[in-house]
Protein backbone atom coordinates (compact mmCIF):
# COMPACT_ATOMS: atom_id res chain seq x y z
CA UNK A 1 0.00 0.00 0.00
CA UNK A 2 1.18 3.50 -0.69
CA UNK A 3 1.05 6.09 2.05
CA UNK A 4 1.00 9.84 1.85
CA UNK A 5 1.01 12.74 4.26
CA UNK A 6 -2.44 13.65 5.50
CA UNK A 7 -3.81 15.96 8.19
CA UNK A 8 -3.72 13.05 10.67
CA UNK A 9 -0.33 11.61 9.64
CA UNK A 10 0.13 8.47 7.56
CA UNK A 11 -2.71 7.99 5.11
CA UNK A 12 -3.58 5.42 2.48
CA UNK A 13 -6.37 6.13 0.00
CA UNK A 14 -6.82 2.38 -0.63
CA UNK A 15 -7.37 1.67 3.06
CA UNK A 16 -9.69 4.67 3.41
CA UNK A 17 -11.75 3.61 0.38
CA UNK A 18 -11.95 0.02 1.64
CA UNK A 19 -13.15 1.18 5.07
CA UNK A 20 -15.86 3.38 3.56
CA UNK A 21 -17.04 0.48 1.40
CA UNK A 22 -17.26 -1.74 4.47
CA UNK A 23 -19.26 0.96 6.27
CA UNK A 24 -21.58 1.38 3.27
CA UNK A 25 -22.19 -2.37 3.12
CA UNK A 26 -22.83 -2.51 6.89
CA UNK A 27 -19.84 -4.72 7.72
CA UNK A 28 -18.44 -2.16 10.14
CA UNK A 29 -19.78 0.86 11.98
CA UNK A 30 -17.92 4.01 12.91
CA UNK A 31 -18.64 5.28 16.41
CA UNK A 32 -16.55 8.18 17.77
CA UNK A 33 -13.50 7.24 15.64
CA UNK A 34 -13.83 3.58 16.68
CA UNK A 35 -14.46 0.88 14.10
CA UNK A 36 -16.93 -1.76 15.29
CA UNK A 37 -17.63 -5.06 13.57
CA UNK A 38 -21.32 -5.59 12.90
CA UNK A 39 -23.21 -8.87 13.21
CA UNK A 40 -23.08 -9.16 9.41
CA UNK A 41 -19.27 -9.03 9.41
CA UNK A 42 -18.95 -11.52 12.25
CA UNK A 43 -20.78 -14.10 10.14
CA UNK A 44 -18.15 -13.98 7.35
CA UNK A 45 -15.02 -13.87 9.52
CA UNK A 46 -14.41 -17.66 9.37
CA UNK A 47 -14.53 -17.51 5.56
CA UNK A 48 -12.14 -14.53 5.48
CA UNK A 49 -9.70 -16.19 7.87
CA UNK A 50 -9.66 -19.33 5.76
CA UNK A 51 -9.21 -17.52 2.44
CA UNK A 52 -6.79 -14.70 3.28
CA UNK A 53 -3.04 -14.84 2.76
CA UNK A 54 -1.39 -16.03 5.99
CA UNK A 55 1.29 -13.33 5.83
CA UNK A 56 -1.38 -10.63 5.56
CA UNK A 57 -3.30 -12.14 8.48
CA UNK A 58 -0.14 -12.15 10.59
CA UNK A 59 0.49 -8.51 9.75
CA UNK A 60 -3.10 -7.63 10.69
CA UNK A 61 -2.79 -9.49 14.01
CA UNK A 62 0.46 -7.68 14.81
CA UNK A 63 -1.12 -4.30 14.15
CA UNK A 64 -4.24 -5.14 16.15
CA UNK A 65 -2.07 -6.26 19.07
CA UNK A 66 0.05 -3.14 18.80
CA UNK A 67 -2.75 -0.58 18.60
CA UNK A 68 -5.81 -2.22 20.16
CA UNK A 69 -5.32 -0.85 23.69
CA UNK A 70 -4.14 2.62 22.64
CA UNK A 71 -6.20 5.78 22.37
CA UNK A 72 -6.03 8.03 19.31
CA UNK A 73 -3.31 10.30 20.73
CA UNK A 74 -1.17 7.35 21.82
CA UNK A 75 -1.43 5.89 18.30
CA UNK A 76 -0.54 9.25 16.73
CA UNK A 77 2.38 9.66 19.15
CA UNK A 78 3.70 6.19 18.33
CA UNK A 79 3.43 6.83 14.59
CA UNK A 80 4.78 10.39 14.86
CA UNK A 81 8.00 9.29 16.54
CA UNK A 82 8.37 6.15 14.41
CA UNK A 83 7.63 7.84 11.05
CA UNK A 84 8.23 11.61 11.50
CA UNK A 85 8.48 12.18 7.74
CA UNK A 86 4.70 11.68 7.46
CA UNK A 87 3.84 14.26 10.10
CA UNK A 88 4.93 17.59 8.66
CA UNK A 89 1.78 19.53 9.38
CA UNK A 90 -0.84 17.39 11.07
CA UNK A 91 -3.73 18.97 12.92
CA UNK A 92 -3.02 17.30 16.24
CA UNK A 93 0.77 17.69 16.33
CA UNK A 94 0.56 20.51 18.89
CA UNK A 95 -1.42 18.27 21.24
CA UNK A 96 1.10 15.46 20.82
CA UNK A 97 4.05 17.79 21.46
CA UNK A 98 2.35 19.40 24.47
CA UNK A 99 1.57 16.01 26.06
CA UNK A 100 4.50 13.97 24.77
CA UNK A 101 5.81 13.03 28.24
CA UNK A 102 2.53 11.53 29.36
CA UNK A 103 1.80 9.91 25.98
CA UNK A 104 5.31 8.43 25.68
CA UNK A 105 5.19 7.10 29.21
CA UNK A 106 1.79 5.50 28.51
CA UNK A 107 3.29 3.79 25.46
CA UNK A 108 6.20 2.53 27.57
CA UNK A 109 3.92 1.27 30.37
CA UNK A 110 1.87 -0.62 27.76
CA UNK A 111 5.08 -2.21 26.37
CA UNK A 112 4.68 -0.49 22.99
CA UNK A 113 8.08 1.22 23.03
CA UNK A 114 11.45 0.41 24.55
CA UNK A 115 13.25 2.36 27.26
CA UNK A 116 15.57 3.66 24.52
CA UNK A 117 12.61 4.94 22.49
CA UNK A 118 11.13 6.56 25.61
CA UNK A 119 14.40 8.35 26.37
CA UNK A 120 14.65 9.49 22.75
CA UNK A 121 11.09 10.87 22.72
CA UNK A 122 11.65 12.67 26.02
CA UNK A 123 15.08 13.81 24.88
CA UNK A 124 16.71 12.45 28.03
CA UNK A 125 19.90 10.47 27.28
CA UNK A 126 20.16 7.04 28.82
CA UNK A 127 23.67 5.60 28.57
CA UNK A 128 23.35 2.22 30.27
CA UNK A 129 20.96 0.02 32.20
CA UNK A 130 22.46 1.42 35.44
CA UNK A 131 21.35 4.91 34.46
CA UNK A 132 17.75 3.72 34.02
CA UNK A 133 17.12 4.50 37.69
CA UNK A 134 18.34 8.07 37.21
CA UNK A 135 16.38 8.38 34.00
CA UNK A 136 13.12 7.59 35.81
CA UNK A 137 14.07 9.87 38.70
CA UNK A 138 14.24 12.73 36.20
CA UNK A 139 10.52 12.28 35.36
CA UNK A 140 8.92 11.41 38.73
CA UNK A 141 5.79 13.54 38.30
CA UNK A 142 4.71 11.33 35.40
CA UNK A 143 4.48 8.31 37.68
CA UNK A 144 2.14 10.00 40.12
CA UNK A 145 -0.76 10.13 37.67
C-alpha atoms as a PDB file:
ATOM      1  CA  UNK A   1       0.000   0.000   0.000  1.00  0.00           C
ATOM      2  CA  UNK A   2       1.179   3.502  -0.686  1.00  0.00           C
ATOM      3  CA  UNK A   3       1.054   6.086   2.046  1.00  0.00           C
ATOM      4  CA  UNK A   4       1.005   9.835   1.851  1.00  0.00           C
ATOM      5  CA  UNK A   5       1.014  12.742   4.256  1.00  0.00           C
ATOM      6  CA  UNK A   6      -2.444  13.652   5.502  1.00  0.00           C
ATOM      7  CA  UNK A   7      -3.806  15.961   8.189  1.00  0.00           C
ATOM      8  CA  UNK A   8      -3.716  13.045  10.665  1.00  0.00           C
ATOM      9  CA  UNK A   9      -0.332  11.614   9.638  1.00  0.00           C
ATOM     10  CA  UNK A  10       0.134   8.473   7.562  1.00  0.00           C
ATOM     11  CA  UNK A  11      -2.711   7.991   5.115  1.00  0.00           C
ATOM     12  CA  UNK A  12      -3.582   5.419   2.475  1.00  0.00           C
ATOM     13  CA  UNK A  13      -6.368   6.134   0.003  1.00  0.00           C
ATOM     14  CA  UNK A  14      -6.820   2.376  -0.627  1.00  0.00           C
ATOM     15  CA  UNK A  15      -7.366   1.673   3.060  1.00  0.00           C
ATOM     16  CA  UNK A  16      -9.687   4.667   3.409  1.00  0.00           C
ATOM     17  CA  UNK A  17     -11.749   3.612   0.379  1.00  0.00           C
ATOM     18  CA  UNK A  18     -11.953   0.024   1.643  1.00  0.00           C
ATOM     19  CA  UNK A  19     -13.150   1.180   5.068  1.00  0.00           C
ATOM     20  CA  UNK A  20     -15.861   3.376   3.561  1.00  0.00           C
ATOM     21  CA  UNK A  21     -17.045   0.479   1.399  1.00  0.00           C
ATOM     22  CA  UNK A  22     -17.260  -1.745   4.471  1.00  0.00           C
ATOM     23  CA  UNK A  23     -19.256   0.963   6.271  1.00  0.00           C
ATOM     24  CA  UNK A  24     -21.583   1.377   3.267  1.00  0.00           C
ATOM     25  CA  UNK A  25     -22.194  -2.372   3.120  1.00  0.00           C
ATOM     26  CA  UNK A  26     -22.827  -2.507   6.886  1.00  0.00           C
ATOM     27  CA  UNK A  27     -19.842  -4.722   7.720  1.00  0.00           C
ATOM     28  CA  UNK A  28     -18.437  -2.162  10.144  1.00  0.00           C
ATOM     29  CA  UNK A  29     -19.777   0.859  11.977  1.00  0.00           C
ATOM     30  CA  UNK A  30     -17.916   4.008  12.911  1.00  0.00           C
ATOM     31  CA  UNK A  31     -18.636   5.277  16.411  1.00  0.00           C
ATOM     32  CA  UNK A  32     -16.549   8.184  17.772  1.00  0.00           C
ATOM     33  CA  UNK A  33     -13.504   7.245  15.636  1.00  0.00           C
ATOM     34  CA  UNK A  34     -13.828   3.582  16.679  1.00  0.00           C
ATOM     35  CA  UNK A  35     -14.455   0.876  14.097  1.00  0.00           C
ATOM     36  CA  UNK A  36     -16.935  -1.756  15.285  1.00  0.00           C
ATOM     37  CA  UNK A  37     -17.626  -5.063  13.572  1.00  0.00           C
ATOM     38  CA  UNK A  38     -21.316  -5.593  12.900  1.00  0.00           C
ATOM     39  CA  UNK A  39     -23.207  -8.869  13.209  1.00  0.00           C
ATOM     40  CA  UNK A  40     -23.077  -9.160   9.411  1.00  0.00           C
ATOM     41  CA  UNK A  41     -19.269  -9.030   9.412  1.00  0.00           C
ATOM     42  CA  UNK A  42     -18.948 -11.521  12.246  1.00  0.00           C
ATOM     43  CA  UNK A  43     -20.778 -14.100  10.135  1.00  0.00           C
ATOM     44  CA  UNK A  44     -18.153 -13.979   7.352  1.00  0.00           C
ATOM     45  CA  UNK A  45     -15.022 -13.868   9.516  1.00  0.00           C
ATOM     46  CA  UNK A  46     -14.413 -17.657   9.374  1.00  0.00           C
ATOM     47  CA  UNK A  47     -14.527 -17.505   5.557  1.00  0.00           C
ATOM     48  CA  UNK A  48     -12.137 -14.529   5.478  1.00  0.00           C
ATOM     49  CA  UNK A  49      -9.704 -16.194   7.865  1.00  0.00           C
ATOM     50  CA  UNK A  50      -9.657 -19.329   5.761  1.00  0.00           C
ATOM     51  CA  UNK A  51      -9.210 -17.520   2.438  1.00  0.00           C
ATOM     52  CA  UNK A  52      -6.792 -14.704   3.284  1.00  0.00           C
ATOM     53  CA  UNK A  53      -3.044 -14.837   2.761  1.00  0.00           C
ATOM     54  CA  UNK A  54      -1.392 -16.032   5.994  1.00  0.00           C
ATOM     55  CA  UNK A  55       1.287 -13.335   5.826  1.00  0.00           C
ATOM     56  CA  UNK A  56      -1.377 -10.630   5.559  1.00  0.00           C
ATOM     57  CA  UNK A  57      -3.297 -12.143   8.479  1.00  0.00           C
ATOM     58  CA  UNK A  58      -0.144 -12.152  10.587  1.00  0.00           C
ATOM     59  CA  UNK A  59       0.490  -8.508   9.750  1.00  0.00           C
ATOM     60  CA  UNK A  60      -3.095  -7.627  10.685  1.00  0.00           C
ATOM     61  CA  UNK A  61      -2.786  -9.487  14.006  1.00  0.00           C
ATOM     62  CA  UNK A  62       0.464  -7.685  14.814  1.00  0.00           C
ATOM     63  CA  UNK A  63      -1.124  -4.304  14.151  1.00  0.00           C
ATOM     64  CA  UNK A  64      -4.240  -5.136  16.147  1.00  0.00           C
ATOM     65  CA  UNK A  65      -2.070  -6.259  19.069  1.00  0.00           C
ATOM     66  CA  UNK A  66       0.047  -3.136  18.795  1.00  0.00           C
ATOM     67  CA  UNK A  67      -2.746  -0.576  18.596  1.00  0.00           C
ATOM     68  CA  UNK A  68      -5.806  -2.221  20.161  1.00  0.00           C
ATOM     69  CA  UNK A  69      -5.323  -0.846  23.688  1.00  0.00           C
ATOM     70  CA  UNK A  70      -4.142   2.624  22.637  1.00  0.00           C
ATOM     71  CA  UNK A  71      -6.197   5.775  22.366  1.00  0.00           C
ATOM     72  CA  UNK A  72      -6.034   8.032  19.308  1.00  0.00           C
ATOM     73  CA  UNK A  73      -3.313  10.297  20.726  1.00  0.00           C
ATOM     74  CA  UNK A  74      -1.166   7.352  21.818  1.00  0.00           C
ATOM     75  CA  UNK A  75      -1.430   5.893  18.298  1.00  0.00           C
ATOM     76  CA  UNK A  76      -0.542   9.254  16.727  1.00  0.00           C
ATOM     77  CA  UNK A  77       2.384   9.660  19.149  1.00  0.00           C
ATOM     78  CA  UNK A  78       3.696   6.191  18.326  1.00  0.00           C
ATOM     79  CA  UNK A  79       3.435   6.832  14.589  1.00  0.00           C
ATOM     80  CA  UNK A  80       4.783  10.394  14.863  1.00  0.00           C
ATOM     81  CA  UNK A  81       7.999   9.287  16.535  1.00  0.00           C
ATOM     82  CA  UNK A  82       8.368   6.152  14.408  1.00  0.00           C
ATOM     83  CA  UNK A  83       7.634   7.841  11.050  1.00  0.00           C
ATOM     84  CA  UNK A  84       8.225  11.607  11.503  1.00  0.00           C
ATOM     85  CA  UNK A  85       8.481  12.180   7.739  1.00  0.00           C
ATOM     86  CA  UNK A  86       4.696  11.679   7.458  1.00  0.00           C
ATOM     87  CA  UNK A  87       3.844  14.265  10.101  1.00  0.00           C
ATOM     88  CA  UNK A  88       4.934  17.590   8.661  1.00  0.00           C
ATOM     89  CA  UNK A  89       1.779  19.528   9.382  1.00  0.00           C
ATOM     90  CA  UNK A  90      -0.844  17.390  11.070  1.00  0.00           C
ATOM     91  CA  UNK A  91      -3.732  18.970  12.920  1.00  0.00           C
ATOM     92  CA  UNK A  92      -3.018  17.296  16.236  1.00  0.00           C
ATOM     93  CA  UNK A  93       0.767  17.691  16.326  1.00  0.00           C
ATOM     94  CA  UNK A  94       0.565  20.513  18.890  1.00  0.00           C
ATOM     95  CA  UNK A  95      -1.422  18.269  21.240  1.00  0.00           C
ATOM     96  CA  UNK A  96       1.105  15.457  20.816  1.00  0.00           C
ATOM     97  CA  UNK A  97       4.048  17.792  21.461  1.00  0.00           C
ATOM     98  CA  UNK A  98       2.353  19.401  24.471  1.00  0.00           C
ATOM     99  CA  UNK A  99       1.575  16.009  26.060  1.00  0.00           C
ATOM    100  CA  UNK A 100       4.504  13.966  24.771  1.00  0.00           C
ATOM    101  CA  UNK A 101       5.806  13.027  28.236  1.00  0.00           C
ATOM    102  CA  UNK A 102       2.525  11.531  29.356  1.00  0.00           C
ATOM    103  CA  UNK A 103       1.804   9.910  25.979  1.00  0.00           C
ATOM    104  CA  UNK A 104       5.306   8.433  25.678  1.00  0.00           C
ATOM    105  CA  UNK A 105       5.186   7.098  29.214  1.00  0.00           C
ATOM    106  CA  UNK A 106       1.789   5.500  28.511  1.00  0.00           C
ATOM    107  CA  UNK A 107       3.295   3.793  25.458  1.00  0.00           C
ATOM    108  CA  UNK A 108       6.202   2.530  27.568  1.00  0.00           C
ATOM    109  CA  UNK A 109       3.921   1.274  30.365  1.00  0.00           C
ATOM    110  CA  UNK A 110       1.867  -0.623  27.764  1.00  0.00           C
ATOM    111  CA  UNK A 111       5.080  -2.209  26.372  1.00  0.00           C
ATOM    112  CA  UNK A 112       4.677  -0.492  22.995  1.00  0.00           C
ATOM    113  CA  UNK A 113       8.083   1.223  23.025  1.00  0.00           C
ATOM    114  CA  UNK A 114      11.453   0.409  24.554  1.00  0.00           C
ATOM    115  CA  UNK A 115      13.251   2.364  27.263  1.00  0.00           C
ATOM    116  CA  UNK A 116      15.572   3.661  24.520  1.00  0.00           C
ATOM    117  CA  UNK A 117      12.607   4.944  22.491  1.00  0.00           C
ATOM    118  CA  UNK A 118      11.133   6.559  25.609  1.00  0.00           C
ATOM    119  CA  UNK A 119      14.405   8.353  26.374  1.00  0.00           C
ATOM    120  CA  UNK A 120      14.654   9.493  22.746  1.00  0.00           C
ATOM    121  CA  UNK A 121      11.094  10.868  22.718  1.00  0.00           C
ATOM    122  CA  UNK A 122      11.653  12.668  26.020  1.00  0.00           C
ATOM    123  CA  UNK A 123      15.076  13.810  24.877  1.00  0.00           C
ATOM    124  CA  UNK A 124      16.714  12.446  28.026  1.00  0.00           C
ATOM    125  CA  UNK A 125      19.897  10.469  27.279  1.00  0.00           C
ATOM    126  CA  UNK A 126      20.161   7.036  28.821  1.00  0.00           C
ATOM    127  CA  UNK A 127      23.670   5.600  28.575  1.00  0.00           C
ATOM    128  CA  UNK A 128      23.348   2.216  30.273  1.00  0.00           C
ATOM    129  CA  UNK A 129      20.962   0.024  32.203  1.00  0.00           C
ATOM    130  CA  UNK A 130      22.464   1.422  35.439  1.00  0.00           C
ATOM    131  CA  UNK A 131      21.353   4.910  34.456  1.00  0.00           C
ATOM    132  CA  UNK A 132      17.753   3.720  34.018  1.00  0.00           C
ATOM    133  CA  UNK A 133      17.124   4.504  37.685  1.00  0.00           C
ATOM    134  CA  UNK A 134      18.345   8.071  37.211  1.00  0.00           C
ATOM    135  CA  UNK A 135      16.377   8.382  34.004  1.00  0.00           C
ATOM    136  CA  UNK A 136      13.123   7.587  35.815  1.00  0.00           C
ATOM    137  CA  UNK A 137      14.067   9.865  38.704  1.00  0.00           C
ATOM    138  CA  UNK A 138      14.240  12.726  36.203  1.00  0.00           C
ATOM    139  CA  UNK A 139      10.522  12.284  35.355  1.00  0.00           C
ATOM    140  CA  UNK A 140       8.918  11.409  38.725  1.00  0.00           C
ATOM    141  CA  UNK A 141       5.790  13.543  38.298  1.00  0.00           C
ATOM    142  CA  UNK A 142       4.708  11.330  35.400  1.00  0.00           C
ATOM    143  CA  UNK A 143       4.481   8.307  37.681  1.00  0.00           C
ATOM    144  CA  UNK A 144       2.139   9.998  40.123  1.00  0.00           C
ATOM    145  CA  UNK A 145      -0.756  10.126  37.667  1.00  0.00           C
END
